[in-house]
Amino acid sequence: MASDNNMKSAEETYSGFLSWLKIGTIITAIVTILVIILITT
């Protein structure tokens, strides 16, 4: 069984990963829209 310290560290790492994933998803969507606009013009 994992100790409390390991769980806290793991939760912080996972939380950070999720925030970077959300930011990356938004940036990817914006870049995709810009590329589509550039291609269609």
N, C-alpha and C. Protein backbone atom coordinates (compact mmCIF):
# COMPACT_ATOMS: atom_id res chain seq x y z
N MET A 1 0.84 -1.19 0.00
CA MET A 1 0.00 0.00 0.00
C MET A 1 0.88 1.25 0.00
N ALA A 2 0.50 2.25 -0.75
CA ALA A 2 1.28 3.48 -0.84
C ALA A 2 1.09 4.31 0.42
N SER A 3 2.16 4.97 0.83
CA SER A 3 2.05 5.84 2.01
C SER A 3 1.34 7.14 1.63
N ASP A 4 0.95 7.88 2.67
CA ASP A 4 0.24 9.14 2.43
C ASP A 4 1.10 10.13 1.65
N ASN A 5 2.40 10.17 1.96
CA ASN A 5 3.29 11.11 1.25
C ASN A 5 3.36 10.77 -0.23
N ASN A 6 3.43 9.48 -0.54
CA ASN A 6 3.49 9.08 -1.95
C ASN A 6 2.19 9.42 -2.66
N MET A 7 1.07 9.25 -1.99
CA MET A 7 -0.22 9.57 -2.60
C MET A 7 -0.35 11.07 -2.86
N LYS A 8 0.09 11.88 -1.92
CA LYS A 8 0.03 13.34 -2.12
C LYS A 8 0.88 13.75 -3.31
N SER A 9 2.07 13.18 -3.38
CA SER A 9 2.97 13.49 -4.50
C SER A 9 2.35 13.04 -5.82
N ALA A 10 1.77 11.86 -5.82
CA ALA A 10 1.16 11.34 -7.04
C ALA A 10 -0.03 12.19 -7.46
N GLU A 11 -0.83 12.62 -6.50
CA GLU A 11 -1.99 13.47 -6.82
C GLU A 11 -1.55 14.81 -7.39
N GLU A 12 -0.48 15.39 -6.84
CA GLU A 12 0.03 16.66 -7.37
C GLU A 12 0.55 16.49 -8.79
N THR A 13 1.26 15.39 -9.02
CA THR A 13 1.79 15.13 -10.36
C THR A 13 0.65 14.94 -11.35
N TYR A 14 -0.37 14.17 -10.96
CA TYR A 14 -1.50 13.91 -11.84
C TYR A 14 -2.28 15.20 -12.11
N SER A 15 -2.44 16.02 -11.09
CA SER A 15 -3.15 17.29 -11.26
C SER A 15 -2.40 18.20 -12.23
N GLY A 16 -1.08 18.26 -12.09
CA GLY A 16 -0.28 19.06 -13.01
C GLY A 16 -0.36 18.53 -14.43
N PHE A 17 -0.34 17.21 -14.56
CA PHE A 17 -0.46 16.59 -15.88
C PHE A 17 -1.79 16.95 -16.53
N LEU A 18 -2.86 16.90 -15.76
CA LEU A 18 -4.18 17.23 -16.31
C LEU A 18 -4.26 18.68 -16.75
N SER A 19 -3.65 19.60 -15.95
CA SER A 19 -3.71 21.00 -16.39
C SER A 19 -2.92 21.22 -17.66
N TRP A 20 -1.74 20.60 -17.80
CA TRP A 20 -0.97 20.74 -19.04
C TRP A 20 -1.71 20.09 -20.20
N LEU A 21 -2.41 18.99 -19.94
CA LEU A 21 -3.18 18.33 -20.99
C LEU A 21 -4.30 19.25 -21.49
N LYS A 22 -4.99 19.91 -20.57
CA LYS A 22 -6.06 20.84 -20.96
C LYS A 22 -5.51 22.00 -21.78
N ILE A 23 -4.40 22.57 -21.32
CA ILE A 23 -3.78 23.69 -22.04
C ILE A 23 -3.34 23.25 -23.43
N GLY A 24 -2.73 22.07 -23.51
CA GLY A 24 -2.28 21.54 -24.79
C GLY A 24 -3.43 21.30 -25.75
N THR A 25 -4.54 20.81 -25.22
CA THR A 25 -5.72 20.56 -26.05
C THR A 25 -6.26 21.86 -26.63
N ILE A 26 -6.33 22.89 -25.80
CA ILE A 26 -6.83 24.19 -26.26
C ILE A 26 -5.91 24.77 -27.33
N ILE A 27 -4.60 24.72 -27.09
CA ILE A 27 -3.64 25.25 -28.07
C ILE A 27 -3.73 24.48 -29.38
N THR A 28 -3.85 23.16 -29.30
CA THR A 28 -3.96 22.34 -30.51
C THR A 28 -5.22 22.70 -31.29
N ALA A 29 -6.33 22.92 -30.59
CA ALA A 29 -7.58 23.29 -31.27
C ALA A 29 -7.43 24.64 -31.97
N ILE A 30 -6.79 25.60 -31.30
CA ILE A 30 -6.60 26.92 -31.90
C ILE A 30 -5.72 26.83 -33.14
N VAL A 31 -4.61 26.10 -33.03
CA VAL A 31 -3.71 25.95 -34.18
C VAL A 31 -4.43 25.25 -35.33
N THR A 32 -5.23 24.23 -35.02
CA THR A 32 -5.97 23.51 -36.06
C THR A 32 -6.93 24.45 -36.79
N ILE A 33 -7.64 25.27 -36.04
CA ILE A 33 -8.57 26.22 -36.66
C ILE A 33 -7.82 27.21 -37.55
N LEU A 34 -6.67 27.70 -37.06
CA LEU A 34 -5.88 28.63 -37.87
C LEU A 34 -5.38 27.98 -39.16
N VAL A 35 -4.94 26.74 -39.08
CA VAL A 35 -4.46 26.04 -40.28
C VAL A 35 -5.61 25.84 -41.27
N ILE A 36 -6.78 25.47 -40.77
CA ILE A 36 -7.93 25.28 -41.66
C ILE A 36 -8.29 26.60 -42.34
N ILE A 37 -8.25 27.70 -41.58
CA ILE A 37 -8.55 29.01 -42.17
C ILE A 37 -7.51 29.36 -43.24
N LEU A 38 -6.24 29.10 -42.96
CA LEU A 38 -5.19 29.40 -43.93
C LEU A 38 -5.33 28.55 -45.19
N ILE A 39 -5.72 27.30 -45.04
CA ILE A 39 -5.86 26.42 -46.20
C ILE A 39 -7.04 26.85 -47.07
N THR A 40 -8.13 27.26 -46.45
CA THR A 40 -9.33 27.59 -47.22
C THR A 40 -9.26 28.96 -47.88
N THR A 41 -8.30 29.79 -47.51
CA THR A 41 -8.23 31.12 -48.13
C THR A 41 -7.27 31.13 -49.30
